[in-house]
Amino acid sequence: MELRLEVVQVPVSDVDRAKAFYTDKLGFVLDHDVEHIPGMRVVQLTPPGSSCSIVIGTGMTSMVPGSLEGLQLVVPDMHEARSVLLGRGAPISEAQDMGGFAFAYLSDPDGNRWVIQEIPPKAP
């Protein structure tokens, strides 16, 4: 049996503001922005290099905007990732070494909290 996590809903209060944050500040790719039925807008965004996307929108979830926490984006080089994100104006924290792995933190405009984790490529 195969089970793949491919989409995670992220609760937001302002879809256009969140869409701009995820595309402009974090560099996520906009996969689609559609209204399947009246009152249900679905905006799917994918982090570069990821096979899992996020969905923001209206009429999909009862989660409170800003209540999501702990989603992790993994990068091979924390210094480079922080530099790019800071250059785009993303509110990322300083990196913290947690015993050989570096972590940094950021929140979207609603307060949904993300973790950036560095996992360097393994040497051949």
C-alpha atoms as a PDB file:
ATOM      1  CA  MET A   1       0.000   0.000   0.000  1.00  0.00           C
ATOM      2  CA  GLU A   2       1.208   3.482  -0.828  1.00  0.00           C
ATOM      3  CA  LEU A   3       0.108   6.570   1.117  1.00  0.00           C
ATOM      4  CA  ARG A   4       1.434   9.921  -0.057  1.00  0.00           C
ATOM      5  CA  LEU A   5       0.868  13.216   1.699  1.00  0.00           C
ATOM      6  CA  GLU A   6       0.329  15.639  -1.174  1.00  0.00           C
ATOM      7  CA  VAL A   7      -1.789  18.536   0.095  1.00  0.00           C
ATOM      8  CA  VAL A   8      -2.120  20.272   3.469  1.00  0.00           C
ATOM      9  CA  GLN A   9      -4.782  22.898   4.191  1.00  0.00           C
ATOM     10  CA  VAL A  10      -3.537  26.116   5.774  1.00  0.00           C
ATOM     11  CA  PRO A  11      -6.270  28.252   7.388  1.00  0.00           C
ATOM     12  CA  VAL A  12      -6.090  31.940   6.457  1.00  0.00           C
ATOM     13  CA  SER A  13      -8.374  34.943   6.904  1.00  0.00           C
ATOM     14  CA  ASP A  14      -7.456  36.814   3.714  1.00  0.00           C
ATOM     15  CA  VAL A  15      -6.792  34.546   0.734  1.00  0.00           C
ATOM     16  CA  ASP A  16      -5.243  37.195  -1.515  1.00  0.00           C
ATOM     17  CA  ARG A  17      -2.896  38.430   1.236  1.00  0.00           C
ATOM     18  CA  ALA A  18      -1.831  34.844   2.019  1.00  0.00           C
ATOM     19  CA  LYS A  19      -1.424  34.000  -1.677  1.00  0.00           C
ATOM     20  CA  ALA A  20       0.884  37.007  -2.099  1.00  0.00           C
ATOM     21  CA  PHE A  21       2.881  36.029   0.992  1.00  0.00           C
ATOM     22  CA  TYR A  22       3.416  32.439  -0.099  1.00  0.00           C
ATOM     23  CA  THR A  23       4.306  33.320  -3.698  1.00  0.00           C
ATOM     24  CA  ASP A  24       6.209  36.599  -3.219  1.00  0.00           C
ATOM     25  CA  LYS A  25       7.920  36.071   0.145  1.00  0.00           C
ATOM     26  CA  LEU A  26       8.403  32.282   0.219  1.00  0.00           C
ATOM     27  CA  GLY A  27       8.635  31.586  -3.517  1.00  0.00           C
ATOM     28  CA  PHE A  28       5.897  28.943  -3.643  1.00  0.00           C
ATOM     29  CA  VAL A  29       4.585  28.141  -7.127  1.00  0.00           C
ATOM     30  CA  LEU A  30       0.919  28.925  -7.762  1.00  0.00           C
ATOM     31  CA  ASP A  31      -0.611  25.706  -9.105  1.00  0.00           C
ATOM     32  CA  HIS A  32      -4.156  26.992  -9.414  1.00  0.00           C
ATOM     33  CA  ASP A  33      -6.651  29.494  -8.052  1.00  0.00           C
ATOM     34  CA  VAL A  34     -10.202  28.353  -8.787  1.00  0.00           C
ATOM     35  CA  GLU A  35     -13.722  28.604  -7.441  1.00  0.00           C
ATOM     36  CA  HIS A  36     -15.147  25.104  -7.904  1.00  0.00           C
ATOM     37  CA  ILE A  37     -18.528  26.024  -6.472  1.00  0.00           C
ATOM     38  CA  PRO A  38     -19.849  29.393  -5.286  1.00  0.00           C
ATOM     39  CA  GLY A  39     -18.178  30.263  -1.970  1.00  0.00           C
ATOM     40  CA  MET A  40     -15.417  27.656  -2.275  1.00  0.00           C
ATOM     41  CA  ARG A  41     -12.177  29.145  -3.552  1.00  0.00           C
ATOM     42  CA  VAL A  42      -9.179  26.818  -3.731  1.00  0.00           C
ATOM     43  CA  VAL A  43      -5.660  28.197  -4.106  1.00  0.00           C
ATOM     44  CA  GLN A  44      -2.998  25.494  -4.338  1.00  0.00           C
ATOM     45  CA  LEU A  45       0.658  26.430  -3.885  1.00  0.00           C
ATOM     46  CA  THR A  46       3.755  24.236  -3.936  1.00  0.00           C
ATOM     47  CA  PRO A  47       7.148  24.965  -2.383  1.00  0.00           C
ATOM     48  CA  PRO A  48       9.940  24.718  -4.978  1.00  0.00           C
ATOM     49  CA  GLY A  49      11.217  21.145  -5.129  1.00  0.00           C
ATOM     50  CA  SER A  50       8.405  19.713  -3.018  1.00  0.00           C
ATOM     51  CA  SER A  51       5.927  17.002  -3.930  1.00  0.00           C
ATOM     52  CA  CYS A  52       3.548  18.251  -1.219  1.00  0.00           C
ATOM     53  CA  SER A  53       1.453  21.382  -1.721  1.00  0.00           C
ATOM     54  CA  ILE A  54      -0.585  23.621   0.525  1.00  0.00           C
ATOM     55  CA  VAL A  55      -4.142  24.798  -0.088  1.00  0.00           C
ATOM     56  CA  ILE A  56      -5.593  28.071   1.122  1.00  0.00           C
ATOM     57  CA  GLY A  57      -9.013  29.389   0.299  1.00  0.00           C
ATOM     58  CA  THR A  58     -12.588  29.778   1.418  1.00  0.00           C
ATOM     59  CA  GLY A  59     -15.327  27.306   2.198  1.00  0.00           C
ATOM     60  CA  MET A  60     -12.999  24.368   2.883  1.00  0.00           C
ATOM     61  CA  THR A  61     -12.097  24.118   6.562  1.00  0.00           C
ATOM     62  CA  SER A  62     -13.303  24.966  10.032  1.00  0.00           C
ATOM     63  CA  MET A  63      -9.749  25.496  11.315  1.00  0.00           C
ATOM     64  CA  VAL A  64      -9.156  28.923  12.811  1.00  0.00           C
ATOM     65  CA  PRO A  65      -6.872  31.145  10.702  1.00  0.00           C
ATOM     66  CA  GLY A  66      -3.396  31.136  12.202  1.00  0.00           C
ATOM     67  CA  SER A  67      -3.908  27.897  14.154  1.00  0.00           C
ATOM     68  CA  LEU A  68      -1.554  25.696  12.117  1.00  0.00           C
ATOM     69  CA  GLU A  69       1.931  25.121  13.441  1.00  0.00           C
ATOM     70  CA  GLY A  70       4.908  22.905  12.917  1.00  0.00           C
ATOM     71  CA  LEU A  71       4.919  22.355   9.168  1.00  0.00           C
ATOM     72  CA  GLN A  72       8.544  21.938   8.143  1.00  0.00           C
ATOM     73  CA  LEU A  73      10.259  23.050   4.994  1.00  0.00           C
ATOM     74  CA  VAL A  74      13.590  21.249   4.573  1.00  0.00           C
ATOM     75  CA  VAL A  75      16.550  22.985   2.948  1.00  0.00           C
ATOM     76  CA  PRO A  76      20.081  21.765   2.185  1.00  0.00           C
ATOM     77  CA  ASP A  77      21.729  25.081   3.181  1.00  0.00           C
ATOM     78  CA  MET A  78      20.233  27.233   5.943  1.00  0.00           C
ATOM     79  CA  HIS A  79      22.490  30.220   5.249  1.00  0.00           C
ATOM     80  CA  GLU A  80      21.431  30.328   1.600  1.00  0.00           C
ATOM     81  CA  ALA A  81      17.744  29.776   2.415  1.00  0.00           C
ATOM     82  CA  ARG A  82      17.694  32.522   5.055  1.00  0.00           C
ATOM     83  CA  SER A  83      19.495  34.893   2.700  1.00  0.00           C
ATOM     84  CA  VAL A  84      16.945  34.316  -0.083  1.00  0.00           C
ATOM     85  CA  LEU A  85      13.943  34.558   2.251  1.00  0.00           C
ATOM     86  CA  LEU A  86      15.221  37.689   3.980  1.00  0.00           C
ATOM     87  CA  GLY A  87      15.885  39.226   0.549  1.00  0.00           C
ATOM     88  CA  ARG A  88      12.224  38.657  -0.303  1.00  0.00           C
ATOM     89  CA  GLY A  89      11.118  40.220   2.983  1.00  0.00           C
ATOM     90  CA  ALA A  90      10.059  36.995   4.722  1.00  0.00           C
ATOM     91  CA  PRO A  91      10.015  37.257   8.530  1.00  0.00           C
ATOM     92  CA  ILE A  92      12.448  34.409   9.284  1.00  0.00           C
ATOM     93  CA  SER A  93      14.206  34.031  12.621  1.00  0.00           C
ATOM     94  CA  GLU A  94      17.895  33.542  13.221  1.00  0.00           C
ATOM     95  CA  ALA A  95      18.998  29.943  12.721  1.00  0.00           C
ATOM     96  CA  GLN A  96      19.441  27.789  15.802  1.00  0.00           C
ATOM     97  CA  ASP A  97      21.768  24.778  15.945  1.00  0.00           C
ATOM     98  CA  MET A  98      19.922  21.898  17.547  1.00  0.00           C
ATOM     99  CA  GLY A  99      22.705  19.330  17.779  1.00  0.00           C
ATOM    100  CA  GLY A 100      23.889  19.147  14.204  1.00  0.00           C
ATOM    101  CA  PHE A 101      20.702  20.350  12.536  1.00  0.00           C
ATOM    102  CA  ALA A 102      19.793  23.998  12.074  1.00  0.00           C
ATOM    103  CA  PHE A 103      16.256  25.311  12.495  1.00  0.00           C
ATOM    104  CA  ALA A 104      14.690  28.701  11.799  1.00  0.00           C
ATOM    105  CA  TYR A 105      11.099  29.841  12.190  1.00  0.00           C
ATOM    106  CA  LEU A 106       8.618  32.070  10.412  1.00  0.00           C
ATOM    107  CA  SER A 107       4.914  32.858  10.415  1.00  0.00           C
ATOM    108  CA  ASP A 108       2.524  33.812   7.664  1.00  0.00           C
ATOM    109  CA  PRO A 109       0.375  36.980   8.008  1.00  0.00           C
ATOM    110  CA  ASP A 110      -2.271  35.038   9.995  1.00  0.00           C
ATOM    111  CA  GLY A 111       0.251  33.514  12.392  1.00  0.00           C
ATOM    112  CA  ASN A 112       0.449  29.993  10.945  1.00  0.00           C
ATOM    113  CA  ARG A 113       3.882  28.876  12.102  1.00  0.00           C
ATOM    114  CA  TRP A 114       6.454  27.197   9.883  1.00  0.00           C
ATOM    115  CA  VAL A 115       9.814  25.598  10.651  1.00  0.00           C
ATOM    116  CA  ILE A 116      12.748  25.697   8.239  1.00  0.00           C
ATOM    117  CA  GLN A 117      15.036  22.734   8.880  1.00  0.00           C
ATOM    118  CA  GLU A 118      18.473  22.301   7.380  1.00  0.00           C
ATOM    119  CA  ILE A 119      19.406  18.789   6.362  1.00  0.00           C
ATOM    120  CA  PRO A 120      22.660  18.997   4.401  1.00  0.00           C
ATOM    121  CA  PRO A 121      23.177  16.519   1.565  1.00  0.00           C
ATOM    122  CA  LYS A 122      25.015  13.385   2.599  1.00  0.00           C
ATOM    123  CA  ALA A 123      28.561  13.050   1.355  1.00  0.00           C
ATOM    124  CA  PRO A 124      29.019  10.364  -1.318  1.00  0.00           C
END
